[in-house]
Amino acid sequence: MFLGLISVRMSGGYNESKGCSVIVEVESSENCEASVFARFKEIGHARPVQQVKLYDRNPDGEWYWITGWSDDERMPACPAYAQLVEDSGAGLTHLVYGGLYGLRFKPINIEEARNLESPRQWGETYLSLASDRDLRYAE
């Protein structure tokens, strides 16, 4: 499920009973028209992620390269991260986020550079996944 996301800030100090807040802010851009500002309660640590399995175009799922997308015109690609958080509307979820302009997706079987003009690539603000089984971490 695509939700939206991305400049992440930790607010406040860590408190065992409260945890830290993860604030996701994504600005509208050529990568993703949507913008978002959302806050989540941190449950786990952020980990770099390289691939995600999505089910939007195929009910069996397909793997995609994933990267964050920033406002750096020379090198807009930046790391994408996954983190277990608490979402007041969904309970525990795996939040996947990237840069100020969100996330960028590219099929793993396509040999082309990341490109805003490619019809086979697209951007989203962030992802919220029920499980991390559909994630391949960079580590």
N, C-alpha and C. Protein backbone atom coordinates (compact mmCIF):
# COMPACT_ATOMS: atom_id res chain seq x y z
N MET A 1 0.84 -1.17 0.00
CA MET A 1 0.00 0.00 0.00
C MET A 1 0.89 1.24 0.00
N PHE A 2 0.68 2.14 -0.91
CA PHE A 2 1.45 3.37 -0.98
C PHE A 2 0.79 4.40 -0.10
N LEU A 3 1.57 5.06 0.72
CA LEU A 3 1.02 6.08 1.58
C LEU A 3 1.66 7.42 1.32
N GLY A 4 2.93 7.53 1.43
CA GLY A 4 3.59 8.78 1.16
C GLY A 4 4.72 9.03 2.12
N LEU A 5 5.74 9.88 1.78
CA LEU A 5 6.75 10.15 2.78
C LEU A 5 7.92 11.00 2.39
N ILE A 6 8.62 11.72 3.23
CA ILE A 6 10.00 11.63 3.39
C ILE A 6 11.04 12.55 3.88
N SER A 7 11.27 13.48 4.26
CA SER A 7 12.41 13.98 4.99
C SER A 7 12.13 13.48 6.39
N VAL A 8 13.01 12.72 6.94
CA VAL A 8 12.72 12.14 8.24
C VAL A 8 13.48 12.87 9.32
N ARG A 9 12.76 13.24 10.35
CA ARG A 9 13.36 13.92 11.50
C ARG A 9 12.96 13.16 12.75
N MET A 10 13.88 13.06 13.65
CA MET A 10 13.56 12.47 14.94
C MET A 10 13.25 13.63 15.87
N SER A 11 12.11 13.56 16.51
CA SER A 11 11.77 14.68 17.40
C SER A 11 11.83 14.22 18.84
N GLY A 12 12.35 15.08 19.67
CA GLY A 12 12.42 14.77 21.10
C GLY A 12 13.48 13.74 21.41
N GLY A 13 13.79 13.58 22.68
CA GLY A 13 14.72 12.56 23.11
C GLY A 13 14.00 11.24 23.29
N TYR A 14 14.74 10.17 23.36
CA TYR A 14 14.11 8.87 23.53
C TYR A 14 13.64 8.70 24.95
N ASN A 15 12.45 8.19 25.08
CA ASN A 15 11.84 7.91 26.37
C ASN A 15 11.25 6.52 26.25
N GLU A 16 11.64 5.60 27.13
CA GLU A 16 11.21 4.20 27.04
C GLU A 16 9.69 4.07 26.89
N SER A 17 8.93 4.86 27.59
CA SER A 17 7.47 4.73 27.52
C SER A 17 6.88 5.44 26.31
N LYS A 18 7.53 6.49 25.83
CA LYS A 18 7.00 7.26 24.70
C LYS A 18 7.67 6.92 23.38
N GLY A 19 8.95 6.58 23.39
CA GLY A 19 9.69 6.36 22.16
C GLY A 19 9.96 7.69 21.47
N CYS A 20 10.57 7.62 20.30
CA CYS A 20 10.83 8.81 19.49
C CYS A 20 9.80 8.89 18.39
N SER A 21 9.60 10.09 17.90
CA SER A 21 8.72 10.27 16.75
C SER A 21 9.56 10.28 15.49
N VAL A 22 9.06 9.63 14.47
CA VAL A 22 9.64 9.69 13.13
C VAL A 22 8.69 10.58 12.33
N ILE A 23 9.18 11.70 11.86
CA ILE A 23 8.37 12.62 11.08
C ILE A 23 8.77 12.49 9.63
N VAL A 24 7.80 12.21 8.79
CA VAL A 24 8.03 12.03 7.37
C VAL A 24 7.43 13.23 6.64
N GLU A 25 8.28 13.88 5.86
CA GLU A 25 7.84 15.04 5.09
C GLU A 25 8.33 14.87 3.66
N VAL A 26 7.41 14.87 2.71
CA VAL A 26 7.73 14.75 1.29
C VAL A 26 7.10 15.93 0.58
N GLU A 27 7.91 16.60 -0.21
CA GLU A 27 7.40 17.72 -1.01
C GLU A 27 6.99 17.22 -2.40
N SER A 28 5.99 17.86 -2.96
CA SER A 28 5.55 17.57 -4.32
C SER A 28 6.70 17.88 -5.28
N SER A 29 6.89 17.02 -6.28
CA SER A 29 8.00 17.19 -7.22
C SER A 29 7.70 16.43 -8.51
N GLU A 30 8.65 16.46 -9.45
CA GLU A 30 8.51 15.68 -10.68
C GLU A 30 8.50 14.18 -10.39
N ASN A 31 9.14 13.77 -9.31
CA ASN A 31 9.17 12.36 -8.94
C ASN A 31 7.81 11.89 -8.44
N CYS A 32 7.14 12.72 -7.69
CA CYS A 32 5.89 12.34 -7.05
C CYS A 32 5.05 13.59 -6.82
N GLU A 33 3.88 13.66 -7.42
CA GLU A 33 3.04 14.85 -7.31
C GLU A 33 2.51 15.07 -5.90
N ALA A 34 2.30 14.00 -5.16
CA ALA A 34 1.74 14.10 -3.81
C ALA A 34 2.76 14.67 -2.84
N SER A 35 2.28 15.28 -1.80
CA SER A 35 3.13 15.70 -0.69
C SER A 35 2.51 15.13 0.58
N VAL A 36 3.32 15.03 1.61
CA VAL A 36 2.81 14.45 2.86
C VAL A 36 3.62 14.96 4.04
N PHE A 37 2.96 15.03 5.17
CA PHE A 37 3.60 15.31 6.45
C PHE A 37 2.93 14.37 7.44
N ALA A 38 3.69 13.42 7.98
CA ALA A 38 3.12 12.41 8.87
C ALA A 38 4.08 12.13 10.02
N ARG A 39 3.52 11.71 11.14
CA ARG A 39 4.33 11.38 12.32
C ARG A 39 3.99 9.97 12.78
N PHE A 40 5.05 9.22 13.12
CA PHE A 40 4.92 7.84 13.56
C PHE A 40 5.74 7.66 14.83
N LYS A 41 5.38 6.67 15.63
CA LYS A 41 6.16 6.34 16.83
C LYS A 41 7.19 5.28 16.46
N GLU A 42 8.46 5.60 16.72
CA GLU A 42 9.55 4.67 16.42
C GLU A 42 9.47 3.45 17.32
N ILE A 43 9.54 2.26 16.71
CA ILE A 43 9.57 1.01 17.46
C ILE A 43 10.92 0.33 17.25
N GLY A 44 11.41 0.31 16.02
CA GLY A 44 12.70 -0.31 15.70
C GLY A 44 13.62 0.69 15.02
N HIS A 45 14.83 0.24 14.74
CA HIS A 45 15.83 1.09 14.08
C HIS A 45 15.65 1.06 12.57
N ALA A 46 16.01 2.14 11.91
CA ALA A 46 15.96 2.23 10.45
C ALA A 46 17.09 1.39 9.86
N ARG A 47 16.78 0.69 8.75
CA ARG A 47 17.77 -0.11 8.03
C ARG A 47 17.70 0.23 6.55
N PRO A 48 18.85 0.36 5.88
CA PRO A 48 18.84 0.63 4.44
C PRO A 48 18.19 -0.52 3.67
N VAL A 49 17.39 -0.19 2.68
CA VAL A 49 16.70 -1.20 1.88
C VAL A 49 16.99 -0.95 0.40
N GLN A 50 17.14 -2.05 -0.38
CA GLN A 50 17.47 -1.96 -1.81
C GLN A 50 16.32 -2.36 -2.71
N GLN A 51 15.54 -3.35 -2.27
CA GLN A 51 14.47 -3.87 -3.11
C GLN A 51 13.20 -4.06 -2.30
N VAL A 52 12.07 -3.97 -3.01
CA VAL A 52 10.77 -4.18 -2.38
C VAL A 52 9.90 -4.98 -3.35
N LYS A 53 9.10 -5.88 -2.81
CA LYS A 53 8.17 -6.65 -3.63
C LYS A 53 6.81 -5.97 -3.55
N LEU A 54 6.27 -5.60 -4.73
CA LEU A 54 4.99 -4.91 -4.80
C LEU A 54 3.98 -5.78 -5.55
N TYR A 55 2.71 -5.61 -5.21
CA TYR A 55 1.64 -6.44 -5.76
C TYR A 55 0.64 -5.65 -6.59
N ASP A 56 0.92 -4.40 -6.86
CA ASP A 56 -0.02 -3.54 -7.59
C ASP A 56 -0.25 -4.00 -9.03
N ARG A 57 0.79 -4.44 -9.70
CA ARG A 57 0.70 -4.78 -11.12
C ARG A 57 0.61 -6.27 -11.39
N ASN A 58 0.89 -7.06 -10.36
CA ASN A 58 0.87 -8.51 -10.50
C ASN A 58 0.47 -9.11 -9.15
N PRO A 59 -0.61 -9.90 -9.10
CA PRO A 59 -1.05 -10.45 -7.80
C PRO A 59 -0.04 -11.38 -7.14
N ASP A 60 0.92 -11.91 -7.92
CA ASP A 60 1.98 -12.74 -7.35
C ASP A 60 3.13 -11.91 -6.81
N GLY A 61 3.13 -10.60 -7.12
CA GLY A 61 4.17 -9.71 -6.67
C GLY A 61 5.35 -9.66 -7.64
N GLU A 62 6.02 -8.52 -7.67
CA GLU A 62 7.22 -8.32 -8.48
C GLU A 62 8.21 -7.52 -7.66
N TRP A 63 9.51 -7.85 -7.84
CA TRP A 63 10.56 -7.12 -7.12
C TRP A 63 10.97 -5.88 -7.90
N TYR A 64 11.24 -4.81 -7.14
CA TYR A 64 11.66 -3.53 -7.71
C TYR A 64 12.86 -3.00 -6.94
N TRP A 65 13.77 -2.33 -7.67
CA TRP A 65 14.81 -1.54 -7.02
C TRP A 65 14.11 -0.35 -6.40
N ILE A 66 14.57 0.06 -5.24
CA ILE A 66 13.98 1.21 -4.56
C ILE A 66 15.10 2.13 -4.09
N THR A 67 14.90 3.40 -4.23
CA THR A 67 15.85 4.38 -3.74
C THR A 67 15.06 5.58 -3.25
N GLY A 68 15.68 6.38 -2.40
CA GLY A 68 15.09 7.65 -2.05
C GLY A 68 15.35 8.64 -3.18
N TRP A 69 14.58 9.75 -3.20
CA TRP A 69 14.77 10.77 -4.23
C TRP A 69 14.85 12.11 -3.53
N SER A 70 15.95 12.84 -3.78
CA SER A 70 16.21 14.09 -3.05
C SER A 70 16.09 15.30 -3.96
N ASP A 71 16.34 16.46 -3.40
CA ASP A 71 16.30 17.71 -4.17
C ASP A 71 17.68 18.07 -4.74
N ASP A 72 18.65 17.18 -4.67
CA ASP A 72 19.97 17.40 -5.25
C ASP A 72 19.89 17.13 -6.74
N GLU A 73 19.91 18.16 -7.56
CA GLU A 73 19.73 18.01 -9.01
C GLU A 73 20.83 17.18 -9.67
N ARG A 74 22.05 17.23 -9.14
CA ARG A 74 23.16 16.48 -9.73
C ARG A 74 23.09 15.00 -9.39
N MET A 75 22.69 14.67 -8.17
CA MET A 75 22.61 13.28 -7.72
C MET A 75 21.35 13.11 -6.88
N PRO A 76 20.18 13.01 -7.52
CA PRO A 76 18.93 12.95 -6.74
C PRO A 76 18.71 11.64 -5.99
N ALA A 77 19.32 10.54 -6.45
CA ALA A 77 19.14 9.27 -5.75
C ALA A 77 19.82 9.33 -4.39
N CYS A 78 19.13 8.83 -3.38
CA CYS A 78 19.66 8.77 -2.01
C CYS A 78 19.15 7.49 -1.37
N PRO A 79 19.65 7.11 -0.22
CA PRO A 79 19.22 5.85 0.38
C PRO A 79 17.72 5.83 0.72
N ALA A 80 17.18 4.62 0.66
CA ALA A 80 15.82 4.35 1.16
C ALA A 80 15.99 3.51 2.42
N TYR A 81 15.09 3.68 3.36
CA TYR A 81 15.15 2.97 4.64
C TYR A 81 13.82 2.34 4.97
N ALA A 82 13.87 1.26 5.75
CA ALA A 82 12.68 0.63 6.30
C ALA A 82 12.81 0.64 7.82
N GLN A 83 11.71 0.89 8.50
CA GLN A 83 11.73 1.00 9.96
C GLN A 83 10.39 0.57 10.52
N LEU A 84 10.43 -0.25 11.56
CA LEU A 84 9.20 -0.64 12.25
C LEU A 84 8.72 0.54 13.09
N VAL A 85 7.47 0.94 12.84
CA VAL A 85 6.89 2.07 13.56
C VAL A 85 5.47 1.72 13.98
N GLU A 86 4.93 2.54 14.85
CA GLU A 86 3.52 2.43 15.21
C GLU A 86 2.77 3.54 14.50
N ASP A 87 1.74 3.15 13.77
CA ASP A 87 0.88 4.08 13.05
C ASP A 87 -0.46 4.05 13.76
N SER A 88 -0.93 5.19 14.19
CA SER A 88 -2.16 5.23 14.97
C SER A 88 -3.34 4.61 14.24
N GLY A 89 -3.33 4.63 12.91
CA GLY A 89 -4.44 4.07 12.15
C GLY A 89 -4.25 2.61 11.77
N ALA A 90 -3.02 2.12 11.77
CA ALA A 90 -2.75 0.77 11.27
C ALA A 90 -2.04 -0.14 12.27
N GLY A 91 -1.72 0.33 13.44
CA GLY A 91 -0.94 -0.47 14.39
C GLY A 91 0.52 -0.47 13.97
N LEU A 92 1.19 -1.62 14.14
CA LEU A 92 2.60 -1.72 13.75
C LEU A 92 2.70 -1.88 12.24
N THR A 93 3.64 -1.17 11.64
CA THR A 93 3.84 -1.21 10.20
C THR A 93 5.31 -0.99 9.89
N HIS A 94 5.73 -1.49 8.75
CA HIS A 94 7.10 -1.25 8.28
C HIS A 94 7.04 -0.05 7.34
N LEU A 95 7.55 1.05 7.83
CA LEU A 95 7.57 2.31 7.09
C LEU A 95 8.80 2.32 6.19
N VAL A 96 8.59 2.56 4.90
CA VAL A 96 9.69 2.64 3.93
C VAL A 96 9.71 4.06 3.42
N TYR A 97 10.85 4.73 3.57
CA TYR A 97 10.95 6.14 3.22
C TYR A 97 12.29 6.44 2.58
N GLY A 98 12.37 7.60 1.92
CA GLY A 98 13.59 7.98 1.22
C GLY A 98 13.95 9.42 1.44
N GLY A 99 13.94 10.23 0.36
CA GLY A 99 14.38 11.61 0.44
C GLY A 99 13.23 12.60 0.46
N LEU A 100 13.58 13.86 0.36
CA LEU A 100 12.60 14.95 0.41
C LEU A 100 11.55 14.82 -0.68
N TYR A 101 11.91 14.18 -1.80
CA TYR A 101 10.96 13.97 -2.90
C TYR A 101 10.44 12.54 -2.94
N GLY A 102 10.58 11.80 -1.85
CA GLY A 102 9.97 10.48 -1.74
C GLY A 102 10.86 9.33 -2.15
N LEU A 103 10.22 8.32 -2.75
CA LEU A 103 10.86 7.09 -3.18
C LEU A 103 10.78 6.97 -4.70
N ARG A 104 11.71 6.23 -5.28
CA ARG A 104 11.69 5.97 -6.72
C ARG A 104 11.80 4.47 -6.92
N PHE A 105 10.96 3.91 -7.82
CA PHE A 105 10.90 2.47 -8.08
C PHE A 105 11.28 2.17 -9.52
N LYS A 106 12.02 1.05 -9.70
CA LYS A 106 12.45 0.60 -11.03
C LYS A 106 12.42 -0.92 -11.03
N PRO A 107 11.79 -1.55 -12.03
CA PRO A 107 11.79 -3.03 -12.09
C PRO A 107 13.21 -3.58 -12.07
N ILE A 108 13.42 -4.70 -11.37
CA ILE A 108 14.78 -5.24 -11.26
C ILE A 108 15.26 -5.83 -12.59
N ASN A 109 14.35 -6.15 -13.51
CA ASN A 109 14.76 -6.74 -14.78
C ASN A 109 14.98 -5.70 -15.88
N ILE A 110 14.92 -4.43 -15.56
CA ILE A 110 15.13 -3.37 -16.54
C ILE A 110 16.53 -2.77 -16.34
N GLU A 111 17.33 -2.77 -17.40
CA GLU A 111 18.68 -2.22 -17.34
C GLU A 111 18.66 -0.78 -17.86
N GLU A 112 18.34 0.15 -17.02
CA GLU A 112 18.38 1.57 -17.38
C GLU A 112 18.65 2.38 -16.12
N ALA A 113 19.24 3.54 -16.32
CA ALA A 113 19.51 4.42 -15.18
C ALA A 113 18.19 4.93 -14.61
N ARG A 114 18.23 5.34 -13.36
CA ARG A 114 17.04 5.97 -12.78
C ARG A 114 16.78 7.26 -13.54
N ASN A 115 15.52 7.44 -13.93
CA ASN A 115 15.21 8.50 -14.86
C ASN A 115 13.76 8.92 -14.68
N LEU A 116 13.52 10.19 -14.48
CA LEU A 116 12.15 10.69 -14.31
C LEU A 116 11.33 10.57 -15.58
N GLU A 117 11.97 10.42 -16.73
CA GLU A 117 11.27 10.34 -18.02
C GLU A 117 10.84 8.91 -18.36
N SER A 118 11.36 7.91 -17.69
CA SER A 118 11.06 6.52 -18.03
C SER A 118 9.63 6.15 -17.65
N PRO A 119 8.88 5.57 -18.60
CA PRO A 119 7.52 5.12 -18.29
C PRO A 119 7.49 3.86 -17.42
N ARG A 120 8.65 3.20 -17.26
CA ARG A 120 8.73 1.98 -16.43
C ARG A 120 9.11 2.28 -14.99
N GLN A 121 9.37 3.53 -14.67
CA GLN A 121 9.75 3.93 -13.31
C GLN A 121 8.72 4.92 -12.79
N TRP A 122 8.61 4.99 -11.48
CA TRP A 122 7.69 5.94 -10.87
C TRP A 122 8.11 6.27 -9.44
N GLY A 123 7.49 7.29 -8.91
CA GLY A 123 7.78 7.71 -7.55
C GLY A 123 6.54 7.65 -6.67
N GLU A 124 6.78 7.51 -5.38
CA GLU A 124 5.73 7.52 -4.36
C GLU A 124 6.27 8.26 -3.14
N THR A 125 5.38 8.72 -2.30
CA THR A 125 5.82 9.42 -1.10
C THR A 125 6.49 8.48 -0.10
N TYR A 126 5.83 7.39 0.25
CA TYR A 126 6.40 6.37 1.11
C TYR A 126 5.56 5.11 1.02
N LEU A 127 6.02 4.04 1.65
CA LEU A 127 5.27 2.78 1.71
C LEU A 127 5.01 2.44 3.16
N SER A 128 3.92 1.75 3.38
CA SER A 128 3.60 1.17 4.68
C SER A 128 3.30 -0.30 4.43
N LEU A 129 4.15 -1.18 4.95
CA LEU A 129 4.02 -2.62 4.71
C LEU A 129 3.71 -3.36 6.00
N ALA A 130 2.86 -4.36 5.91
CA ALA A 130 2.48 -5.15 7.09
C ALA A 130 3.63 -6.03 7.58
N SER A 131 4.51 -6.45 6.67
CA SER A 131 5.60 -7.36 7.03
C SER A 131 6.86 -6.96 6.28
N ASP A 132 8.01 -7.35 6.81
CA ASP A 132 9.25 -7.06 6.10
C ASP A 132 9.66 -8.20 5.16
N ARG A 133 8.81 -9.20 4.97
CA ARG A 133 9.15 -10.30 4.05
C ARG A 133 9.25 -9.81 2.60
N ASP A 134 8.66 -8.66 2.32
CA ASP A 134 8.71 -8.10 0.98
C ASP A 134 9.79 -7.03 0.83
N LEU A 135 10.77 -7.08 1.71
CA LEU A 135 11.90 -6.15 1.67
C LEU A 135 13.20 -6.93 1.56
N ARG A 136 14.13 -6.38 0.79
CA ARG A 136 15.50 -6.90 0.75
C ARG A 136 16.40 -5.77 1.22
N TYR A 137 17.02 -6.00 2.35
CA TYR A 137 17.85 -4.98 2.98
C TYR A 137 19.21 -4.87 2.32
N ALA A 138 19.80 -3.70 2.41
CA ALA A 138 21.11 -3.46 1.81
C ALA A 138 22.23 -4.13 2.60
N GLU A 139 21.99 -4.44 3.82
CA GLU A 139 23.03 -5.02 4.70
C GLU A 139 23.21 -6.48 4.45
